Each structure stands twice: as structure tokens, then as C-alpha cells.
Amino acid sequence: MNAPYDNLDAIALGLPLPTPVQNAAPAATPAAPSAQEQALQYALAKQVPDMARGFAIHTNYGDITIPPGWMAERIQRHVERLLQVELMATPEGAV
């Protein structure tokens, strides 16, 4: 018999029972992201892009206001790179 057959065909034809098909193990459910990873993802998705509109840096000696423009965009790019590196360093991000 050229075509695969099932148990009923084998019984009817007096053939050996076909070997059962082994299904692949179900894929592991990915673990929920940690609080640190969620915070970094949120910062990269919402806070960093918003920096282009200007922002303030708060220190114990007062605030530094960064207006919209080239300086805000440059700092934004640096912060984005730093947070991406930090995200890759998390156990979930390294996968």
C-alpha cells in the first residue's frame, strides 16, 4: 500500500498497525517580562520619544531645562542607546 493508512485500514487489510504520530512538544510559554524590563520598554516607547519636545533634568541643586531642538534630540539619542543596552542586559532581554 503506497498511501499512509490508519488503524481501521490496517485491521481491514490485515496489515501491521501504523506507528502513532508523535506530535512536537508544545512551545514553552514565554515568561512574563519582569518589572525592570517593563519599565525599560515603557521608557523606550513613551518617555524617550517625548524628550524631543524638551524636558527638565532634576538635581539636588536645581533643575536644568533642556528646550526642544538639537540638544534635546542629542540627549534623547544617548538615553535611548543607554536604555537599549540596559534592556539587553536583563535576563529576558538577553534571550
N, C-alpha and C. Protein backbone atom coordinates (compact mmCIF):
# COMPACT_ATOMS: atom_id res chain seq x y z
N MET A 1 0.85 -1.17 0.00
CA MET A 1 0.00 0.00 0.00
C MET A 1 0.90 1.23 0.00
N ASN A 2 0.74 2.14 -0.97
CA ASN A 2 1.60 3.31 -1.11
C ASN A 2 1.21 4.45 -0.17
N ALA A 3 -0.07 4.64 0.01
CA ALA A 3 -0.54 5.75 0.82
C ALA A 3 -0.52 5.36 2.29
N PRO A 4 -0.33 6.35 3.17
CA PRO A 4 -0.41 6.04 4.59
C PRO A 4 -1.81 5.51 4.93
N TYR A 5 -1.87 4.69 5.90
CA TYR A 5 -3.15 4.12 6.29
C TYR A 5 -3.35 4.30 7.79
N ASP A 6 -4.60 4.24 8.19
CA ASP A 6 -4.89 4.39 9.61
C ASP A 6 -5.17 3.03 10.22
N ASN A 7 -5.52 2.99 11.49
CA ASN A 7 -5.75 1.75 12.21
C ASN A 7 -6.85 0.91 11.58
N LEU A 8 -7.95 1.53 11.17
CA LEU A 8 -9.06 0.77 10.59
C LEU A 8 -8.65 0.11 9.28
N ASP A 9 -7.88 0.83 8.44
CA ASP A 9 -7.39 0.23 7.19
C ASP A 9 -6.49 -0.97 7.50
N ALA A 10 -5.62 -0.83 8.49
CA ALA A 10 -4.71 -1.91 8.84
C ALA A 10 -5.47 -3.14 9.30
N ILE A 11 -6.48 -2.93 10.13
CA ILE A 11 -7.27 -4.07 10.62
C ILE A 11 -7.99 -4.73 9.46
N ALA A 12 -8.61 -3.91 8.59
CA ALA A 12 -9.38 -4.47 7.48
C ALA A 12 -8.49 -5.23 6.51
N LEU A 13 -7.27 -4.76 6.31
CA LEU A 13 -6.37 -5.37 5.34
C LEU A 13 -5.41 -6.39 5.96
N GLY A 14 -5.47 -6.54 7.27
CA GLY A 14 -4.58 -7.47 7.94
C GLY A 14 -3.14 -7.00 7.96
N LEU A 15 -2.93 -5.70 7.95
CA LEU A 15 -1.58 -5.12 7.96
C LEU A 15 -1.18 -4.76 9.38
N PRO A 16 0.12 -4.57 9.63
CA PRO A 16 0.51 -4.12 10.97
C PRO A 16 -0.02 -2.71 11.23
N LEU A 17 -0.34 -2.46 12.47
CA LEU A 17 -0.85 -1.13 12.83
C LEU A 17 0.23 -0.08 12.58
N PRO A 18 -0.16 1.07 12.04
CA PRO A 18 0.83 2.12 11.80
C PRO A 18 1.35 2.66 13.13
N THR A 19 2.57 3.15 13.10
CA THR A 19 3.14 3.74 14.31
C THR A 19 2.45 5.07 14.59
N PRO A 20 2.17 5.33 15.84
CA PRO A 20 1.49 6.59 16.16
C PRO A 20 2.38 7.79 15.82
N VAL A 21 1.74 8.84 15.39
CA VAL A 21 2.46 10.08 15.06
C VAL A 21 2.77 10.81 16.35
N GLN A 22 4.02 11.14 16.53
CA GLN A 22 4.44 11.88 17.72
C GLN A 22 4.34 13.37 17.41
N ASN A 23 3.48 14.04 18.13
CA ASN A 23 3.37 15.49 17.97
C ASN A 23 4.53 16.16 18.68
N ALA A 24 4.98 17.24 18.10
CA ALA A 24 6.05 18.01 18.73
C ALA A 24 5.57 18.54 20.06
N ALA A 25 6.49 18.66 20.99
CA ALA A 25 6.15 19.21 22.29
C ALA A 25 5.63 20.63 22.11
N PRO A 26 4.62 21.00 22.87
CA PRO A 26 4.12 22.37 22.74
C PRO A 26 5.21 23.37 23.09
N ALA A 27 5.19 24.48 22.38
CA ALA A 27 6.19 25.52 22.63
C ALA A 27 6.02 26.05 24.04
N ALA A 28 7.12 26.32 24.68
CA ALA A 28 7.08 26.86 26.03
C ALA A 28 6.47 28.25 26.01
N THR A 29 5.63 28.51 26.96
CA THR A 29 5.02 29.82 27.07
C THR A 29 6.08 30.80 27.57
N PRO A 30 6.28 31.90 26.86
CA PRO A 30 7.31 32.84 27.31
C PRO A 30 6.94 33.42 28.67
N ALA A 31 7.94 33.59 29.49
CA ALA A 31 7.72 34.16 30.82
C ALA A 31 7.30 35.61 30.70
N ALA A 32 6.49 36.04 31.62
CA ALA A 32 6.08 37.44 31.64
C ALA A 32 7.30 38.31 31.89
N PRO A 33 7.37 39.47 31.24
CA PRO A 33 8.53 40.34 31.45
C PRO A 33 8.59 40.82 32.90
N SER A 34 9.80 41.00 33.39
CA SER A 34 9.99 41.48 34.76
C SER A 34 9.60 42.96 34.84
N ALA A 35 9.46 43.43 36.06
CA ALA A 35 9.11 44.84 36.26
C ALA A 35 10.19 45.74 35.67
N GLN A 36 11.45 45.34 35.82
CA GLN A 36 12.55 46.14 35.26
C GLN A 36 12.44 46.21 33.74
N GLU A 37 12.18 45.06 33.12
CA GLU A 37 12.07 45.03 31.66
C GLU A 37 10.87 45.86 31.20
N GLN A 38 9.76 45.77 31.91
CA GLN A 38 8.58 46.56 31.55
C GLN A 38 8.87 48.05 31.66
N ALA A 39 9.58 48.45 32.71
CA ALA A 39 9.92 49.86 32.89
C ALA A 39 10.82 50.37 31.77
N LEU A 40 11.79 49.55 31.37
CA LEU A 40 12.68 49.95 30.28
C LEU A 40 11.93 50.03 28.95
N GLN A 41 11.06 49.06 28.70
CA GLN A 41 10.27 49.07 27.46
C GLN A 41 9.35 50.29 27.42
N TYR A 42 8.74 50.64 28.56
CA TYR A 42 7.87 51.81 28.62
C TYR A 42 8.67 53.08 28.36
N ALA A 43 9.83 53.17 29.00
CA ALA A 43 10.67 54.36 28.81
C ALA A 43 11.05 54.51 27.34
N LEU A 44 11.43 53.40 26.69
CA LEU A 44 11.82 53.46 25.28
C LEU A 44 10.64 53.77 24.37
N ALA A 45 9.46 53.32 24.73
CA ALA A 45 8.29 53.52 23.88
C ALA A 45 7.63 54.88 24.07
N LYS A 46 7.65 55.41 25.30
CA LYS A 46 6.88 56.63 25.59
C LYS A 46 7.75 57.81 26.04
N GLN A 47 8.56 57.57 27.06
CA GLN A 47 9.27 58.69 27.68
C GLN A 47 10.40 59.23 26.80
N VAL A 48 11.20 58.34 26.23
CA VAL A 48 12.33 58.80 25.41
C VAL A 48 11.86 59.57 24.18
N PRO A 49 10.87 59.07 23.42
CA PRO A 49 10.40 59.86 22.27
C PRO A 49 9.87 61.24 22.68
N ASP A 50 9.28 61.32 23.88
CA ASP A 50 8.73 62.60 24.35
C ASP A 50 9.83 63.61 24.68
N MET A 51 11.05 63.14 24.89
CA MET A 51 12.15 64.04 25.22
C MET A 51 12.44 65.04 24.10
N ALA A 52 12.07 64.71 22.87
CA ALA A 52 12.31 65.63 21.75
C ALA A 52 11.56 66.95 21.93
N ARG A 53 10.51 66.93 22.75
CA ARG A 53 9.73 68.15 22.98
C ARG A 53 10.31 69.02 24.09
N GLY A 54 11.47 68.60 24.59
CA GLY A 54 12.09 69.34 25.68
C GLY A 54 11.79 68.64 27.00
N PHE A 55 12.65 68.87 27.98
CA PHE A 55 12.48 68.23 29.28
C PHE A 55 13.33 68.93 30.31
N ALA A 56 13.19 68.51 31.55
CA ALA A 56 13.98 69.08 32.64
C ALA A 56 14.76 67.96 33.33
N ILE A 57 15.97 68.27 33.70
CA ILE A 57 16.79 67.36 34.49
C ILE A 57 16.76 67.90 35.92
N HIS A 58 16.29 67.07 36.85
CA HIS A 58 16.15 67.50 38.23
C HIS A 58 17.36 67.02 39.04
N THR A 59 18.02 67.96 39.73
CA THR A 59 19.14 67.62 40.60
C THR A 59 18.87 68.18 41.99
N ASN A 60 19.70 67.82 42.94
CA ASN A 60 19.57 68.36 44.30
C ASN A 60 19.87 69.86 44.34
N TYR A 61 20.54 70.38 43.31
CA TYR A 61 20.90 71.80 43.26
C TYR A 61 20.00 72.61 42.36
N GLY A 62 18.96 71.97 41.83
CA GLY A 62 18.03 72.69 40.97
C GLY A 62 17.80 71.93 39.67
N ASP A 63 17.02 72.56 38.82
CA ASP A 63 16.66 71.94 37.55
C ASP A 63 17.47 72.52 36.40
N ILE A 64 17.68 71.68 35.41
CA ILE A 64 18.29 72.11 34.15
C ILE A 64 17.22 71.90 33.09
N THR A 65 16.82 72.97 32.44
CA THR A 65 15.79 72.88 31.42
C THR A 65 16.43 72.71 30.05
N ILE A 66 16.02 71.67 29.37
CA ILE A 66 16.51 71.39 28.01
C ILE A 66 15.36 71.71 27.07
N PRO A 67 15.49 72.77 26.27
CA PRO A 67 14.41 73.13 25.36
C PRO A 67 14.37 72.19 24.15
N PRO A 68 13.24 72.16 23.43
CA PRO A 68 13.20 71.36 22.20
C PRO A 68 14.28 71.84 21.23
N GLY A 69 14.80 70.93 20.45
CA GLY A 69 15.83 71.31 19.49
C GLY A 69 16.96 70.32 19.46
N TRP A 70 18.09 70.78 18.95
CA TRP A 70 19.21 69.87 18.71
C TRP A 70 19.73 69.24 20.00
N MET A 71 19.77 70.01 21.10
CA MET A 71 20.31 69.47 22.34
C MET A 71 19.39 68.38 22.91
N ALA A 72 18.08 68.63 22.89
CA ALA A 72 17.13 67.63 23.38
C ALA A 72 17.21 66.36 22.53
N GLU A 73 17.31 66.52 21.23
CA GLU A 73 17.38 65.35 20.33
C GLU A 73 18.67 64.56 20.56
N ARG A 74 19.76 65.26 20.79
CA ARG A 74 21.03 64.57 21.01
C ARG A 74 21.02 63.79 22.32
N ILE A 75 20.53 64.42 23.38
CA ILE A 75 20.43 63.73 24.67
C ILE A 75 19.45 62.56 24.55
N GLN A 76 18.36 62.78 23.82
CA GLN A 76 17.37 61.72 23.61
C GLN A 76 18.02 60.50 22.97
N ARG A 77 18.83 60.69 21.94
CA ARG A 77 19.50 59.56 21.27
C ARG A 77 20.44 58.83 22.23
N HIS A 78 21.17 59.57 23.07
CA HIS A 78 22.08 58.93 24.02
C HIS A 78 21.29 58.11 25.05
N VAL A 79 20.22 58.69 25.57
CA VAL A 79 19.41 57.99 26.56
C VAL A 79 18.79 56.74 25.93
N GLU A 80 18.34 56.85 24.69
CA GLU A 80 17.75 55.69 24.02
C GLU A 80 18.77 54.55 23.91
N ARG A 81 19.99 54.87 23.50
CA ARG A 81 21.03 53.84 23.39
C ARG A 81 21.35 53.22 24.74
N LEU A 82 21.46 54.04 25.76
CA LEU A 82 21.77 53.53 27.10
C LEU A 82 20.66 52.59 27.60
N LEU A 83 19.41 52.97 27.38
CA LEU A 83 18.31 52.12 27.84
C LEU A 83 18.22 50.84 27.03
N GLN A 84 18.55 50.89 25.74
CA GLN A 84 18.56 49.66 24.93
C GLN A 84 19.63 48.70 25.43
N VAL A 85 20.80 49.22 25.77
CA VAL A 85 21.87 48.38 26.32
C VAL A 85 21.41 47.79 27.66
N GLU A 86 20.78 48.60 28.48
CA GLU A 86 20.28 48.13 29.77
C GLU A 86 19.22 47.04 29.58
N LEU A 87 18.35 47.22 28.60
CA LEU A 87 17.31 46.21 28.32
C LEU A 87 17.93 44.91 27.86
N MET A 88 18.96 44.98 27.03
CA MET A 88 19.63 43.77 26.57
C MET A 88 20.35 43.06 27.71
N ALA A 89 20.70 43.77 28.75
CA ALA A 89 21.40 43.18 29.89
C ALA A 89 20.45 42.46 30.85
N THR A 90 19.14 42.69 30.73
CA THR A 90 18.20 41.97 31.59
C THR A 90 18.14 40.52 31.15
N PRO A 91 17.84 39.61 32.06
CA PRO A 91 17.78 38.19 31.68
C PRO A 91 16.78 37.93 30.54
N GLU A 92 15.66 38.63 30.53
CA GLU A 92 14.67 38.43 29.48
C GLU A 92 15.11 39.04 28.16
N GLY A 93 15.83 40.15 28.22
CA GLY A 93 16.28 40.82 27.00
C GLY A 93 17.44 40.12 26.33
N ALA A 94 18.18 39.32 27.07
CA ALA A 94 19.36 38.66 26.53
C ALA A 94 19.00 37.43 25.71
N VAL A 95 17.73 37.03 25.77
CA VAL A 95 17.32 35.81 25.05
C VAL A 95 17.27 36.06 23.57
